[in-house]
Protein backbone atom coordinates (compact mmCIF):
# COMPACT_ATOMS: atom_id res chain seq x y z
CA MET A 1 -0.16 -0.22 -0.08
CA THR A 2 0.77 3.73 -0.68
CA SER A 3 1.10 6.01 2.31
CA PRO A 4 -1.54 8.72 1.36
CA HIS A 5 0.78 11.32 3.03
CA LEU A 6 3.89 10.53 1.03
CA ALA A 7 2.06 9.99 -2.11
CA ASP A 8 0.21 13.25 -1.62
CA ALA A 9 3.28 15.01 -1.00
CA VAL A 10 5.21 13.54 -3.95
CA LEU A 11 3.03 12.51 -7.16
CA PRO A 12 1.37 15.93 -7.46
CA LEU A 13 4.73 17.51 -7.79
CA ILE A 14 5.55 15.13 -10.55
CA ARG A 15 2.28 14.79 -12.48
CA THR A 16 0.97 17.43 -14.52
CA ARG A 17 -1.37 18.10 -17.46
CA ALA A 18 0.33 21.48 -18.79
CA ASP A 19 1.54 22.36 -21.75
CA LEU A 20 5.51 21.64 -21.44
CA HIS A 21 6.34 22.54 -24.83
CA ARG A 22 7.24 25.82 -23.79
CA TRP A 23 10.73 25.98 -22.47
CA SER A 24 9.94 28.24 -19.43
CA ALA A 25 6.77 25.89 -18.37
CA ALA A 26 9.23 22.88 -18.55
CA ASN A 27 11.82 24.43 -16.58
CA ALA A 28 9.54 25.53 -13.83
CA HIS A 29 7.98 21.96 -13.82
CA GLY A 30 11.30 20.47 -13.65
CA THR A 31 11.99 22.47 -10.81
CA GLN A 32 9.15 21.14 -8.96
CA MET A 33 10.06 17.67 -9.89
CA HIS A 34 13.21 17.87 -7.83
CA ASP A 35 11.51 19.04 -4.89
CA ALA A 36 9.62 15.74 -5.23
CA VAL A 37 12.52 13.91 -5.35
CA ASP A 38 14.01 15.68 -2.24
CA ILE A 39 11.19 14.70 -0.38
CA LEU A 40 11.39 10.99 -1.52
CA GLU A 41 15.05 11.12 -0.53
CA ASP A 42 14.21 12.45 2.78
CA ALA A 43 11.44 9.69 3.33
CA VAL A 44 14.08 6.97 3.02
CA LYS A 45 15.20 7.90 6.24
CA SER A 46 11.87 7.57 8.18
CA GLU A 47 9.20 6.03 5.98
CA ASP A 48 8.33 2.58 5.50
CA PRO A 49 10.71 0.86 2.70
CA ALA A 50 7.77 -0.43 0.99
CA THR A 51 6.16 2.90 0.97
CA VAL A 52 9.16 4.72 -0.23
CA TYR A 53 9.31 1.95 -3.12
CA ALA A 54 5.81 2.20 -4.15
CA VAL A 55 5.81 5.97 -4.53
CA THR A 56 9.43 6.00 -5.97
CA HIS A 57 7.86 3.55 -8.77
CA LYS A 58 4.75 5.78 -9.44
CA ALA A 59 6.91 8.82 -9.36
CA LEU A 60 9.37 7.48 -12.07
CA ALA A 61 6.73 6.15 -14.26
CA SER A 62 4.94 9.66 -14.04
CA ALA A 63 8.10 11.20 -14.76
CA VAL A 64 9.01 9.46 -17.85
CA LYS A 65 5.74 10.12 -19.30
CA VAL A 66 6.17 13.88 -18.43
CA ILE A 67 9.47 14.02 -20.30
CA ALA A 68 8.00 12.31 -23.31
CA ARG A 69 5.93 15.44 -24.04
CA ALA A 70 8.18 18.28 -22.68
CA ASP A 71 10.75 20.61 -24.05
CA ASP A 72 13.49 19.57 -21.66
CA SER A 73 16.51 21.18 -23.82
CA SER A 74 17.76 22.65 -20.24
CA GLY A 75 17.97 19.15 -18.81
CA ILE A 76 16.46 19.78 -15.70
CA ILE A 77 13.29 17.38 -16.13
CA GLY A 78 15.93 14.56 -17.33
CA ASP A 79 17.94 15.21 -14.15
CA ALA A 80 14.95 14.65 -11.92
CA CYS A 81 14.32 11.46 -13.94
CA ARG A 82 18.02 10.43 -13.44
CA ARG A 83 17.68 11.17 -9.63
CA LEU A 84 14.45 8.71 -9.57
CA LEU A 85 16.40 6.10 -11.50
CA ASP A 86 19.20 6.31 -9.02
CA LEU A 87 16.87 6.00 -6.09
CA HIS A 88 14.47 3.01 -7.44
CA PRO A 89 17.19 0.14 -7.11
CA LYS A 90 18.01 1.47 -3.52
CA ALA A 91 14.26 1.55 -2.67
CA ALA A 92 13.44 -1.90 -4.30
CA ALA A 93 16.28 -3.53 -2.08
CA ALA A 94 15.09 -1.93 1.04
CA ALA A 95 11.49 -3.17 0.22
CA HIS A 96 12.39 -6.52 -0.85
CA VAL A 97 10.59 -6.37 -3.92
CA PRO A 98 9.85 -9.90 -5.62
CA SER A 99 12.89 -10.24 -8.30
CA ARG A 100 10.87 -11.70 -10.81
CA LYS A 101 8.41 -8.72 -10.75
CA LEU A 102 11.43 -6.41 -10.67
CA VAL A 103 13.08 -8.55 -13.78
CA ASP A 104 9.65 -8.05 -15.55
CA TRP A 105 9.56 -4.16 -14.96
CA MET A 106 13.35 -3.77 -15.91
CA ILE A 107 12.35 -5.41 -19.35
CA ALA A 108 9.51 -3.59 -20.00
CA PHE A 109 11.16 -0.23 -18.95
CA GLN A 110 13.87 -0.72 -21.57
CA PHE A 111 12.38 -2.41 -24.35
CA ASP A 112 8.72 -1.05 -24.20
CA GLY A 113 9.07 2.21 -22.54
CA ASP A 114 7.70 5.65 -23.20
CA VAL A 115 11.06 7.04 -23.72
CA ASP A 116 14.32 5.38 -24.97
CA TYR A 117 16.97 7.56 -23.74
CA PHE A 118 17.49 6.22 -20.09
CA GLU A 119 19.41 3.17 -18.84
CA LEU A 120 19.03 1.24 -16.04
CA ASP A 121 22.15 -0.23 -14.60
CA PRO A 122 22.08 -3.78 -13.22
CA VAL A 123 24.91 -3.40 -11.22
CA ALA A 124 22.85 -0.96 -9.14
CA TYR A 125 20.04 -3.61 -9.07
CA ALA A 126 22.14 -6.34 -8.20
CA ALA A 127 21.25 -6.16 -4.60
CA ALA A 128 17.70 -6.07 -5.07
CA LEU A 129 17.93 -8.92 -7.62
CA GLY A 130 19.92 -11.09 -5.63
CA ASP A 131 22.05 -14.04 -7.51
CA GLN A 132 18.67 -15.77 -8.76
CA GLY A 133 17.08 -12.40 -9.98
CA VAL A 134 20.43 -11.72 -11.81
CA ALA A 135 20.27 -14.87 -13.45
CA THR A 136 16.61 -14.51 -14.54
CA TYR A 137 17.46 -11.06 -15.95
CA ARG A 138 20.17 -12.42 -17.94
CA ALA A 139 18.14 -15.16 -19.36
CA ARG A 140 15.55 -12.77 -20.16
CA LEU A 141 18.19 -10.86 -22.13
CA ALA A 142 19.40 -13.64 -24.03
CA GLU A 143 15.75 -14.42 -24.99
CA ILE A 144 15.51 -10.97 -26.52
CA SER A 145 18.90 -11.25 -28.25
CA ASP A 146 18.04 -14.60 -29.80
CA GLY A 147 15.06 -13.35 -31.03
CA LEU A 148 16.78 -10.51 -33.33
CA GLY A 149 18.99 -12.64 -35.10
CA PRO A 150 22.11 -11.71 -36.43
CA VAL A 151 23.25 -8.17 -37.87
CA PRO A 152 22.93 -8.08 -41.63
CA ALA A 153 25.89 -8.13 -43.51
CA ASN A 154 27.53 -4.70 -44.53
CA ALA A 155 24.78 -2.92 -42.82
CA GLU A 156 25.54 0.60 -41.99
CA PRO A 157 25.14 1.59 -38.16
CA TRP A 158 21.97 3.79 -38.72
CA GLY A 159 20.30 0.84 -40.82
CA VAL A 160 20.63 -1.94 -38.55
CA PRO A 161 17.32 -3.50 -37.58
CA ASN A 162 16.09 -3.10 -34.06
CA ARG A 163 18.88 -0.74 -33.28
CA HIS A 164 17.48 0.29 -29.95
CA GLU A 165 16.83 -3.10 -28.43
CA ARG A 166 20.38 -3.89 -29.76
CA TRP A 167 21.99 -0.96 -28.03
CA VAL A 168 20.07 -1.97 -24.74
CA LEU A 169 21.51 -5.56 -24.94
CA GLU A 170 25.09 -4.21 -25.62
CA TRP A 171 24.80 -1.76 -22.74
CA ASN A 172 23.38 -4.50 -20.25
CA GLU A 173 26.24 -7.06 -21.44
CA ARG A 174 28.87 -4.39 -20.48
CA ARG A 175 27.25 -3.62 -17.15
CA LEU A 176 26.69 -7.27 -16.33
CA ALA A 177 30.44 -8.10 -17.10
CA VAL A 178 31.07 -5.29 -14.49
CA LEU A 179 28.69 -6.87 -12.06
CA HIS A 180 30.43 -10.28 -12.46
CA ARG A 181 33.90 -9.04 -12.68
CA ASP A 182 34.80 -10.75 -15.53
CA VAL A 183 37.75 -9.33 -16.74
CA GLU A 184 37.89 -10.86 -20.21
CA ALA A 185 34.35 -9.79 -20.73
CA ILE A 186 34.86 -6.25 -19.80
CA ILE A 187 37.75 -6.14 -22.50
CA ARG A 188 35.22 -7.41 -24.95
CA THR A 189 32.57 -5.63 -24.14
CA HIS A 190 34.23 -2.17 -23.52
CA ALA A 191 37.20 -2.16 -26.18
CA ARG A 192 35.16 -3.93 -28.35
CA ASP A 193 37.51 -3.54 -31.58
CA ARG A 194 39.98 -1.42 -30.13
CA LYS A 195 39.74 1.55 -32.89
CA VAL A 196 38.60 4.39 -30.57
CA ALA A 197 40.31 5.64 -27.63
CA ALA A 198 37.25 6.59 -25.78
CA TRP A 199 36.56 2.62 -25.67
CA LEU A 200 39.86 2.01 -24.13
CA GLN A 201 39.09 4.45 -21.31
CA ASP A 202 35.71 2.82 -20.85
CA THR A 203 37.73 -0.26 -20.43
CA ALA A 204 39.94 1.44 -17.75
CA GLU A 205 37.00 2.81 -15.58
CA ALA A 206 35.24 -0.34 -15.84
CA PHE A 207 38.34 -1.97 -14.36
CA GLU A 208 38.48 0.85 -11.75
CA GLU A 209 34.97 0.19 -11.05
CA ILE A 210 35.88 -3.36 -9.64
CA GLY A 211 39.17 -2.41 -8.24
CA ALA A 212 41.44 -3.70 -10.28
CA PHE A 213 43.64 -0.51 -10.61
CA ASP A 214 46.65 -2.08 -12.09
CA LEU A 215 44.42 -3.26 -15.38
CA ALA A 216 42.78 0.10 -15.10
CA ILE A 217 46.19 2.38 -15.25
CA ASP A 218 47.48 -0.11 -17.89
CA TRP A 219 44.21 0.40 -20.13
CA ALA A 220 44.22 4.28 -19.30
CA ARG A 221 47.60 4.27 -20.58
CA GLN A 222 46.68 2.55 -23.86
CA ALA A 223 44.10 5.39 -24.37
CA ALA A 224 46.30 7.84 -23.73
CA ARG A 225 48.80 6.95 -26.36
CA PHE A 226 46.01 5.76 -28.65
CA ASP A 227 46.41 9.13 -30.93
CA LEU A 228 46.56 12.88 -30.27
CA GLY A 229 43.12 13.48 -30.68
CA HIS A 230 40.85 15.27 -27.72
CA GLN A 231 39.61 11.43 -26.48
CA SER A 232 43.22 10.33 -25.82
CA LEU A 233 43.96 13.66 -23.92
CA ARG A 234 41.03 13.26 -21.72
CA ALA A 235 42.33 9.40 -21.40
CA ALA A 236 45.67 10.95 -20.46
CA ASP A 237 44.24 13.20 -17.45
CA TYR A 238 42.24 10.17 -16.41
CA TRP A 239 45.37 8.01 -16.43
CA CYS A 240 47.25 10.66 -14.55
CA THR A 241 44.44 10.60 -12.07
CA LEU A 242 44.70 6.80 -11.48
CA LEU A 243 48.51 7.13 -10.86
CA ALA A 244 47.98 10.16 -8.47
CA GLU A 245 45.78 7.89 -6.36
CA HIS A 246 47.35 4.45 -6.70
CA ARG A 247 51.10 4.85 -7.87
CA PRO A 248 52.21 8.26 -7.18
CA ALA A 249 56.01 7.56 -7.68
CA GLU A 250 54.78 7.26 -11.37
CA LEU A 251 52.91 10.42 -11.91
CA LEU A 252 55.44 12.81 -12.70
CA GLU A 253 57.11 10.68 -15.54
CA ALA A 254 53.33 10.21 -17.03
CA ARG A 255 52.82 14.06 -16.53
CA VAL A 256 56.10 15.04 -18.62
CA GLU A 257 54.92 12.17 -21.55
CA VAL A 258 51.26 14.02 -21.54
CA PHE A 259 52.88 17.52 -21.67
CA ARG A 260 55.44 16.52 -24.53
CA ARG A 261 52.31 14.93 -26.48
CA TRP A 262 50.38 17.87 -25.76
CA PRO A 263 52.34 21.00 -24.94
CA THR A 264 49.28 23.42 -23.86
CA SER A 265 49.15 25.70 -20.65
CA SER A 266 46.70 23.23 -19.42
CA THR A 267 48.94 20.21 -19.52
CA ALA A 268 52.15 22.55 -18.53
CA ALA A 269 50.27 23.48 -15.34
CA ALA A 270 49.41 19.95 -14.50
CA LEU A 271 53.26 19.28 -14.96
CA HIS A 272 54.08 22.50 -12.53
CA ARG A 273 51.73 21.33 -10.06
CA ASP A 274 52.78 17.53 -9.73
CA ALA A 275 56.50 18.39 -10.10
CA ARG A 276 56.65 20.30 -6.77
CA ASP A 277 60.31 20.49 -5.85
CA ALA A 278 61.47 18.82 -9.36
CA TRP A 279 59.68 22.02 -11.10
CA PRO A 280 63.24 23.70 -11.81
CA VAL A 281 64.46 20.81 -13.95
CA HIS A 282 61.42 20.78 -16.38
CA ARG A 283 60.97 24.77 -16.46
CA GLU A 284 63.44 25.35 -19.34
CA GLU A 285 61.80 22.22 -21.67
CA VAL A 286 58.17 23.55 -20.93
CA MET A 287 58.99 27.08 -21.50
CA GLU A 288 60.72 26.44 -24.88
CA ARG A 289 58.01 23.96 -26.25
CA LEU A 290 55.31 26.27 -25.16
CA SER A 291 56.98 29.26 -27.06
CA ALA A 292 55.34 27.32 -30.58
CA SER A 293 52.02 28.75 -28.96
CA PRO A 294 51.90 32.27 -27.74
CA ARG A 295 48.78 32.10 -26.16
CA ASP A 296 49.82 28.99 -24.25
CA ALA A 297 53.31 30.29 -22.95
CA VAL A 298 51.52 33.58 -21.79
CA LEU A 299 48.77 32.03 -19.94
CA PHE A 300 51.14 29.28 -18.46
CA ALA A 301 53.37 32.21 -17.17
CA LEU A 302 50.58 34.31 -16.06
CA HIS A 303 48.50 31.84 -13.97
CA PRO A 304 50.31 28.81 -12.74
CA LEU A 305 53.51 30.34 -12.73
CA LYS A 306 52.14 33.93 -11.65
CA GLU A 307 55.22 35.56 -13.21
CA VAL A 308 53.37 38.72 -14.60
CA GLU A 309 56.49 40.38 -15.85
CA LEU A 310 57.67 37.09 -17.54
CA ALA A 311 54.05 36.75 -19.10
CA TRP A 312 54.30 40.40 -20.40
CA GLU A 313 57.84 40.12 -21.84
CA ILE A 314 56.63 36.74 -23.69
CA ALA A 315 53.68 38.27 -25.18
CA HIS A 316 55.66 40.96 -26.98
CA SER A 317 58.47 38.74 -27.70
CA LEU A 318 56.23 36.27 -29.05
CA ALA A 319 53.59 38.66 -30.97
CA LEU A 320 50.79 37.62 -28.99
CA GLU A 321 47.69 38.03 -31.00
CA ALA A 322 44.51 36.84 -28.73
CA ASP A 323 42.75 39.34 -27.49
CA ASP A 324 41.51 37.99 -24.62
CA VAL A 325 44.77 37.17 -23.31
CA TRP A 326 46.05 40.43 -23.88
CA GLU A 327 43.00 41.41 -21.71
CA ARG A 328 43.87 39.53 -18.64
CA LEU A 329 47.63 40.11 -19.01
CA ALA A 330 46.67 44.08 -19.17
CA LYS A 331 44.59 43.60 -16.08
CA GLU A 332 47.42 41.89 -14.03
CA TYR A 333 50.30 44.13 -15.51
CA ALA A 334 48.25 47.35 -14.55
CA LYS A 335 49.22 46.61 -11.09
CA THR A 336 52.84 46.86 -11.77
CA ASP A 337 52.86 49.62 -14.39
CA PRO A 338 49.33 51.32 -15.36
CA LEU A 339 50.79 53.32 -18.01
CA ALA A 340 52.52 50.56 -19.83
CA VAL A 341 49.16 48.99 -20.51
CA LEU A 342 47.43 51.93 -22.08
CA PRO A 343 48.78 50.69 -25.63
CA VAL A 344 47.44 47.35 -25.24
CA LEU A 345 44.19 48.68 -24.24
CA GLY A 346 43.86 51.32 -26.98
CA ARG A 347 44.33 48.50 -29.40
CA LEU A 348 41.28 46.24 -27.88
CA VAL A 349 39.07 49.32 -28.37
CA GLU A 350 39.88 49.77 -31.92
CA ARG A 351 39.21 46.24 -32.52
CA ASP A 352 35.82 46.53 -30.54
CA LEU A 353 34.79 49.06 -33.06
CA THR A 354 35.49 47.25 -36.24
CA GLN A 355 32.04 45.77 -35.84
CA ALA A 356 28.83 47.83 -35.57
CA ASP A 357 27.67 45.92 -32.26
CA ALA A 358 26.11 47.37 -28.98
CA GLN A 359 27.84 44.70 -27.00
CA ARG A 360 31.18 45.93 -28.49
CA TYR A 361 30.40 49.33 -27.97
CA ARG A 362 29.81 48.85 -24.32
CA ALA A 363 33.04 46.79 -24.14
CA ALA A 364 35.21 49.75 -25.45
CA ALA A 365 33.57 52.30 -23.28
CA ARG A 366 34.49 50.28 -20.45
CA ARG A 367 37.98 49.98 -21.42
CA LEU A 368 38.26 53.45 -22.35
CA ALA A 369 37.07 54.40 -18.53
CA ARG A 370 39.48 52.04 -17.43
CA MET A 371 42.48 53.99 -19.61
CA ARG A 372 41.54 57.18 -17.99
CA HIS A 373 41.21 55.97 -14.66
CA LEU A 374 44.85 54.32 -15.21
CA ALA A 375 46.29 57.44 -16.75
CA ALA A 376 44.89 60.01 -14.41
CA GLY A 377 47.48 62.62 -12.91
CA SER A 378 50.04 61.13 -15.56
CA ASP A 379 51.06 63.04 -18.61
CA GLU A 380 49.24 60.38 -20.45
CA ALA A 381 45.72 61.56 -19.22
CA ALA A 382 45.70 64.19 -21.97
CA GLY A 383 46.47 61.56 -24.98
CA VAL A 384 43.80 59.31 -23.46
CA ASP A 385 41.32 62.09 -23.78
CA ARG A 386 42.42 62.90 -27.36
CA PHE A 387 41.78 59.15 -28.19
CA VAL A 388 38.46 59.37 -27.05
CA ALA A 389 37.75 62.40 -28.90
CA GLN A 390 39.07 61.10 -32.04
CA LEU A 391 37.08 57.88 -31.78
CA ARG A 392 33.70 59.98 -31.25
CA GLU A 393 34.67 61.98 -34.30
CA SER A 394 35.51 58.96 -36.49
CA HIS A 395 32.54 57.26 -35.20
CA ARG A 396 30.09 60.31 -35.28
CA ARG A 397 27.66 58.46 -37.38
CA ARG A 398 27.25 55.70 -34.81
CA PRO A 399 24.80 57.28 -32.40
CA ARG A 400 24.78 53.86 -30.18
CA LEU A 401 28.35 54.14 -29.68
CA GLN A 402 28.00 57.78 -28.53
CA GLN A 403 25.19 56.67 -26.29
CA GLU A 404 27.50 54.20 -24.71
CA PHE A 405 30.38 56.56 -24.25
CA ASP A 406 28.01 58.95 -22.51
CA ARG A 407 26.90 56.44 -20.34
CA ALA A 408 30.53 55.73 -19.29
CA GLY A 409 31.21 59.18 -18.28
CA LEU A 410 33.86 59.40 -21.37
CA PRO A 411 34.65 63.22 -22.26
């Protein structure tokens, strides 16, 4: 039986007949759904487990119907659904839901549900299912797989019949491999044909999940060395994260390797952080390699190293062109030599005004006001005011620009 009190508190916040095709209405209702999940999560501590499960089950069913007809481009409703999906297996285990009943629902939800973009994780449901329930679940999946037959030869990925069903089966096969801590199955289902760096990282993450950290590190390293693409770079960071936790003595060598493969301000910052006392040994190489990218060289000197004068010198010697980096650099260097940054700010103003755009006019006006503040009381003050006057004259046919200058208090 469902507790009227809990059901009345939760379900009206989930269910609605409102038109949710409007983005704002969907967002408002999604926020309300999160309030409902908050109530359910709190109820776990005090309510009867059977009651919590019954309300959670009904809330999830209703939430899926809601998202099926909503504009959830903000993801608020989807996040509420995922919170319910996280709570459902825990509530089922606490309520001792019969495993056969739970298996029936899991199969129906995944293969005949109102939407097809949520997964159920058999690892999360293992406690509720028990060994016999997991075996029954595997048998049901096998029946579905046998009914689909083989994939037609030379079929394109988007042309494979029963694509959704096959995807669900593959997902479950991966998660069941993790559940059973089956090393060979994890490699087969996660690494697949080993042609994608992300799949190698998926394999590493699966091994980390089961506590096989040496295997996780090995597969993360393979993913990092796969190629120079963004997936390998992401895997490289994961590899270093694993090393930091499980083999810290190997971390520095890995950070050096990652930097050499991707010499950026971000990889340099990670190397600088993890090198600690050994940083002087690597500094010269890092600065030399970063010189090929003025942006990265300046950002690295400016932020991790916090050597503003070095960043200023690099920006000029390497002919930095990135306006956003010049702006950050000027802000910091103004603390050392406020007059030196005036030419930089002036160039940024002129670039702002190359396009007729109100937002860029406002940015230019703010920079000019900043220039006047920095130059106040110096011999450069009159020059800044002349610069403002020249800009007003050369852009006299832009009334919106004149208006923004006036709002900024410019002469």
